[in-house]
Protein backbone atom coordinates (compact mmCIF):
# COMPACT_ATOMS: atom_id res chain seq x y z
CA MET A 1 58.51 30.55 183.21
CA SER A 2 61.41 31.18 182.13
CA GLY A 3 61.86 34.29 180.20
CA GLN A 4 60.47 36.85 177.98
CA GLY A 5 59.27 35.07 174.98
CA SER A 6 58.86 31.50 176.54
CA GLY A 7 56.28 28.90 176.34
CA GLY A 8 54.96 30.52 179.62
CA ASN A 9 54.95 33.65 178.59
CA VAL A 10 52.80 32.84 175.58
CA LEU A 11 50.06 30.78 177.05
CA ALA A 12 49.34 33.70 179.42
CA ALA A 13 48.95 36.25 176.85
CA ILE A 14 46.55 34.12 175.78
CA CYS A 15 44.39 33.21 178.35
CA SER A 16 44.51 36.78 178.83
CA PHE A 17 43.92 37.82 175.89
CA PHE A 18 40.20 36.20 176.80
CA ILE A 19 39.69 37.03 180.33
CA PRO A 20 41.83 39.73 181.48
CA GLY A 21 44.31 39.34 184.72
CA LEU A 22 43.86 34.95 184.21
CA GLY A 23 47.47 35.32 182.72
CA GLN A 24 48.76 36.58 185.41
CA LEU A 25 46.72 34.32 187.31
CA VAL A 26 48.82 31.21 185.67
CA GLN A 27 51.85 33.31 186.27
CA GLY A 28 50.88 33.03 189.83
CA ARG A 29 50.91 37.13 190.50
CA ILE A 30 47.38 36.46 191.88
CA MET A 31 47.17 40.46 193.34
CA LYS A 32 48.02 42.12 189.49
CA ALA A 33 45.35 39.21 188.27
CA LEU A 34 43.02 41.20 190.45
CA MET A 35 43.57 44.07 190.22
CA PHE A 36 43.63 43.75 185.92
CA PHE A 37 40.32 41.46 186.21
CA ILE A 38 38.29 44.05 188.40
CA VAL A 39 39.66 47.50 186.84
CA THR A 40 38.82 45.83 182.97
CA ALA A 41 35.72 43.94 184.24
CA VAL A 42 33.95 47.46 186.08
CA CYS A 43 34.87 49.72 183.36
CA TYR A 44 32.99 47.33 180.74
CA ALA A 45 30.55 47.25 182.60
CA LEU A 46 30.05 50.79 182.97
CA THR A 47 30.34 51.36 179.53
CA ALA A 48 27.56 48.31 179.06
CA THR A 49 25.47 51.28 181.20
CA VAL A 50 25.55 53.48 178.40
CA ILE A 51 25.38 56.29 180.24
CA LEU A 52 28.99 56.04 180.94
CA PHE A 53 30.07 55.00 176.86
CA PHE A 54 33.74 56.37 177.13
CA MET A 55 34.46 53.92 179.36
CA TRP A 56 35.30 51.23 176.67
CA ILE A 57 38.84 53.16 176.43
CA VAL A 58 39.66 52.89 179.94
CA ALA A 59 38.97 48.98 179.36
CA ALA A 60 40.38 48.46 176.20
CA ILE A 61 43.86 49.65 177.40
CA PHE A 62 43.43 47.84 181.06
CA HIS A 63 42.82 44.68 178.86
CA LEU A 64 45.34 45.61 176.89
CA TRP A 65 47.74 46.42 179.11
CA ALA A 66 46.62 42.66 180.84
CA ILE A 67 47.75 41.17 177.74
CA ILE A 68 51.37 43.06 177.22
CA ASP A 69 52.09 42.51 180.89
CA ALA A 70 51.78 38.59 180.49
CA ALA A 71 53.53 38.49 177.55
CA THR A 72 56.97 40.09 178.92
CA TYR A 73 56.74 38.93 182.60
CA LYS A 74 60.66 38.11 183.47
CA GLY A 75 60.08 36.89 186.95
CA GLY A 76 61.07 37.58 190.35
CA ASP A 77 58.24 40.23 190.08
């Protein structure tokens, strides 16, 4: 991937918009991809239980973080 704002980073950010962590996976950062996907999926699942409804805030923060991380990746991470 080239620097920030490259077409690859834009594609990765779009991927992370739909599935958190997919953008990091496209960039080859497997551990970060797993972290974003698992944390976000667990928080969304806990939100679905209605008992821990406030977890949507944490899920939304991690989802947004995944998108921003994919978009601003500079390489060598």
